[in-house]
Amino acid sequence: MYNKTIIHGRLCKDWAKLTNSKNNIFAVNTLANKRFDDTTFYDIFIAEKRVENLLKIIPKGSEIIVEGVVDKPKMSLDYNMRIYVDRIDIVRGKSAESKDTDNDKESDNDDLPF
């Protein structure tokens, strides 16, 4: 069987590291996916070797698209679906604070020919 899912949403919290029973290390977060008036939450897991730099550029609140394998834990009180991520696309990172620089100011319009 083939299990592949693509989900678009926003990260709900800061990244955390988790170690499973086989001593595999994962970066973990929660993704909120809003459809109409309903929001579904997914726990996303990424193998740590793939995300050392990624965690720095995708903070809480970023809008991303994840592609991976979906799993629902059978013996868990956790109601969120799990996605083991193969790929992440950044739609919009968390907006940076605006800074006043000379590049942001409008240029002098006296030199324009029209």
C-alpha atoms as a PDB file:
ATOM      1  CA  MET A   1       0.000   0.000   0.000  1.00  0.00           C
ATOM      2  CA  TYR A   2       1.021   3.573  -0.617  1.00  0.00           C
ATOM      3  CA  ASN A   3       0.576   6.189   2.114  1.00  0.00           C
ATOM      4  CA  LYS A   4       1.460   9.768   1.138  1.00  0.00           C
ATOM      5  CA  THR A   5      -0.141  12.945   2.428  1.00  0.00           C
ATOM      6  CA  ILE A   6       0.360  16.638   1.752  1.00  0.00           C
ATOM      7  CA  ILE A   7      -0.856  19.076   4.424  1.00  0.00           C
ATOM      8  CA  HIS A   8      -0.740  22.887   4.463  1.00  0.00           C
ATOM      9  CA  GLY A   9      -0.842  24.779   7.761  1.00  0.00           C
ATOM     10  CA  ARG A  10       0.933  26.804  10.438  1.00  0.00           C
ATOM     11  CA  LEU A  11       3.296  25.647  13.164  1.00  0.00           C
ATOM     12  CA  CYS A  12       1.679  25.923  16.598  1.00  0.00           C
ATOM     13  CA  LYS A  13       4.724  25.851  18.854  1.00  0.00           C
ATOM     14  CA  ASP A  14       8.494  25.832  18.984  1.00  0.00           C
ATOM     15  CA  TRP A  15      10.396  22.761  17.804  1.00  0.00           C
ATOM     16  CA  ALA A  16      11.214  20.046  20.360  1.00  0.00           C
ATOM     17  CA  LYS A  17      13.491  17.001  20.196  1.00  0.00           C
ATOM     18  CA  LEU A  18      12.133  13.531  20.941  1.00  0.00           C
ATOM     19  CA  THR A  19      13.913  10.168  21.225  1.00  0.00           C
ATOM     20  CA  ASN A  20      11.942   6.984  20.565  1.00  0.00           C
ATOM     21  CA  SER A  21      12.530   3.482  21.980  1.00  0.00           C
ATOM     22  CA  LYS A  22      15.016   2.700  19.173  1.00  0.00           C
ATOM     23  CA  ASN A  23      17.105   5.791  20.100  1.00  0.00           C
ATOM     24  CA  ASN A  24      16.116   7.604  16.912  1.00  0.00           C
ATOM     25  CA  ILE A  25      16.029  11.368  17.389  1.00  0.00           C
ATOM     26  CA  PHE A  26      13.223  13.419  15.847  1.00  0.00           C
ATOM     27  CA  ALA A  27      12.332  17.098  15.703  1.00  0.00           C
ATOM     28  CA  VAL A  28       8.676  17.415  16.690  1.00  0.00           C
ATOM     29  CA  ASN A  29       6.053  20.130  16.257  1.00  0.00           C
ATOM     30  CA  THR A  30       2.299  20.561  15.783  1.00  0.00           C
ATOM     31  CA  LEU A  31       0.782  21.758  12.508  1.00  0.00           C
ATOM     32  CA  ALA A  32      -2.648  23.452  12.440  1.00  0.00           C
ATOM     33  CA  ASN A  33      -4.604  22.914   9.232  1.00  0.00           C
ATOM     34  CA  LYS A  34      -7.708  25.095   8.852  1.00  0.00           C
ATOM     35  CA  ARG A  35     -10.513  24.036   6.547  1.00  0.00           C
ATOM     36  CA  PHE A  36     -13.446  26.437   6.491  1.00  0.00           C
ATOM     37  CA  ASP A  37     -14.441  26.812  10.180  1.00  0.00           C
ATOM     38  CA  ASP A  38     -12.737  23.600  11.351  1.00  0.00           C
ATOM     39  CA  THR A  39      -9.093  23.235  12.416  1.00  0.00           C
ATOM     40  CA  THR A  40      -7.277  19.890  12.477  1.00  0.00           C
ATOM     41  CA  PHE A  41      -4.006  19.414  14.334  1.00  0.00           C
ATOM     42  CA  TYR A  42      -1.225  17.088  13.201  1.00  0.00           C
ATOM     43  CA  ASP A  43       1.896  16.116  15.132  1.00  0.00           C
ATOM     44  CA  ILE A  44       4.803  16.255  12.692  1.00  0.00           C
ATOM     45  CA  PHE A  45       8.019  14.278  13.111  1.00  0.00           C
ATOM     46  CA  ILE A  46      11.222  14.887  11.167  1.00  0.00           C
ATOM     47  CA  ALA A  47      14.434  12.839  11.412  1.00  0.00           C
ATOM     48  CA  GLU A  48      16.963  15.070  13.174  1.00  0.00           C
ATOM     49  CA  LYS A  49      19.743  14.541  10.637  1.00  0.00           C
ATOM     50  CA  ARG A  50      17.612  16.398   8.092  1.00  0.00           C
ATOM     51  CA  VAL A  51      16.700  19.421  10.160  1.00  0.00           C
ATOM     52  CA  GLU A  52      19.686  20.955  11.917  1.00  0.00           C
ATOM     53  CA  ASN A  53      19.501  24.181   9.898  1.00  0.00           C
ATOM     54  CA  LEU A  54      15.803  23.872   9.131  1.00  0.00           C
ATOM     55  CA  LEU A  55      14.762  24.441  12.746  1.00  0.00           C
ATOM     56  CA  LYS A  56      16.459  27.826  12.727  1.00  0.00           C
ATOM     57  CA  ILE A  57      14.595  29.163   9.685  1.00  0.00           C
ATOM     58  CA  ILE A  58      11.102  27.791  10.390  1.00  0.00           C
ATOM     59  CA  PRO A  59       9.945  29.245  13.746  1.00  0.00           C
ATOM     60  CA  LYS A  60       6.577  29.006  15.459  1.00  0.00           C
ATOM     61  CA  GLY A  61       3.831  30.613  13.371  1.00  0.00           C
ATOM     62  CA  SER A  62       5.439  29.842   9.997  1.00  0.00           C
ATOM     63  CA  GLU A  63       3.168  28.709   7.175  1.00  0.00           C
ATOM     64  CA  ILE A  64       4.462  25.466   5.626  1.00  0.00           C
ATOM     65  CA  ILE A  65       3.463  22.523   3.470  1.00  0.00           C
ATOM     66  CA  VAL A  66       4.542  19.085   4.681  1.00  0.00           C
ATOM     67  CA  GLU A  67       4.628  15.895   2.670  1.00  0.00           C
ATOM     68  CA  GLY A  68       4.953  12.526   4.363  1.00  0.00           C
ATOM     69  CA  VAL A  69       3.430   9.371   5.804  1.00  0.00           C
ATOM     70  CA  VAL A  70       0.370   9.549   8.098  1.00  0.00           C
ATOM     71  CA  ASP A  71       0.022   7.338  11.164  1.00  0.00           C
ATOM     72  CA  LYS A  72      -2.507   7.197  14.006  1.00  0.00           C
ATOM     73  CA  PRO A  73      -1.150   5.778  17.267  1.00  0.00           C
ATOM     74  CA  LYS A  74      -3.333   2.830  18.349  1.00  0.00           C
ATOM     75  CA  MET A  75      -2.587   2.846  22.078  1.00  0.00           C
ATOM     76  CA  SER A  76      -2.569   6.543  22.800  1.00  0.00           C
ATOM     77  CA  LEU A  77      -4.801   9.155  24.340  1.00  0.00           C
ATOM     78  CA  ASP A  78      -3.326  11.632  21.894  1.00  0.00           C
ATOM     79  CA  TYR A  79      -5.972  12.453  19.309  1.00  0.00           C
ATOM     80  CA  ASN A  80      -3.697  14.131  16.784  1.00  0.00           C
ATOM     81  CA  MET A  81      -2.692  12.301  13.634  1.00  0.00           C
ATOM     82  CA  ARG A  82       1.056  11.892  13.156  1.00  0.00           C
ATOM     83  CA  ILE A  83       2.919  12.763   9.988  1.00  0.00           C
ATOM     84  CA  TYR A  84       6.453  11.473   9.449  1.00  0.00           C
ATOM     85  CA  VAL A  85       7.773  14.184   7.163  1.00  0.00           C
ATOM     86  CA  ASP A  86       9.702  13.499   3.953  1.00  0.00           C
ATOM     87  CA  ARG A  87       9.630  17.071   2.643  1.00  0.00           C
ATOM     88  CA  ILE A  88       8.857  20.601   3.883  1.00  0.00           C
ATOM     89  CA  ASP A  89       8.088  23.628   1.726  1.00  0.00           C
ATOM     90  CA  ILE A  90       8.082  27.062   3.342  1.00  0.00           C
ATOM     91  CA  VAL A  91       5.108  29.135   2.188  1.00  0.00           C
ATOM     92  CA  ARG A  92       5.673  32.104   4.509  1.00  0.00           C
ATOM     93  CA  GLY A  93       8.115  32.342   7.342  1.00  0.00           C
ATOM     94  CA  LYS A  94       7.244  34.208  10.469  1.00  0.00           C
ATOM     95  CA  SER A  95       7.227  37.901   9.641  1.00  0.00           C
ATOM     96  CA  ALA A  96      10.353  39.699  10.764  1.00  0.00           C
ATOM     97  CA  GLU A  97      10.129  42.932  12.698  1.00  0.00           C
ATOM     98  CA  SER A  98      10.223  45.912  10.408  1.00  0.00           C
ATOM     99  CA  LYS A  99      13.473  47.831  10.533  1.00  0.00           C
ATOM    100  CA  ASP A 100      13.957  51.447   9.516  1.00  0.00           C
ATOM    101  CA  THR A 101      16.690  51.563   6.906  1.00  0.00           C
ATOM    102  CA  ASP A 102      17.529  53.919   4.112  1.00  0.00           C
ATOM    103  CA  ASN A 103      16.409  51.294   1.569  1.00  0.00           C
ATOM    104  CA  ASP A 104      12.858  51.329   2.924  1.00  0.00           C
ATOM    105  CA  LYS A 105      12.415  55.076   2.515  1.00  0.00           C
ATOM    106  CA  GLU A 106      11.027  56.399  -0.736  1.00  0.00           C
ATOM    107  CA  SER A 107      13.612  57.757  -3.114  1.00  0.00           C
ATOM    108  CA  ASP A 108      13.710  61.371  -4.206  1.00  0.00           C
ATOM    109  CA  ASN A 109      11.323  61.799  -7.166  1.00  0.00           C
ATOM    110  CA  ASP A 110      13.060  64.913  -8.586  1.00  0.00           C
ATOM    111  CA  ASP A 111      15.262  62.834 -10.902  1.00  0.00           C
ATOM    112  CA  LEU A 112      12.398  60.974 -12.588  1.00  0.00           C
ATOM    113  CA  PRO A 113      11.803  61.992 -16.244  1.00  0.00           C
ATOM    114  CA  PHE A 114       8.001  61.644 -16.059  1.00  0.00           C
END
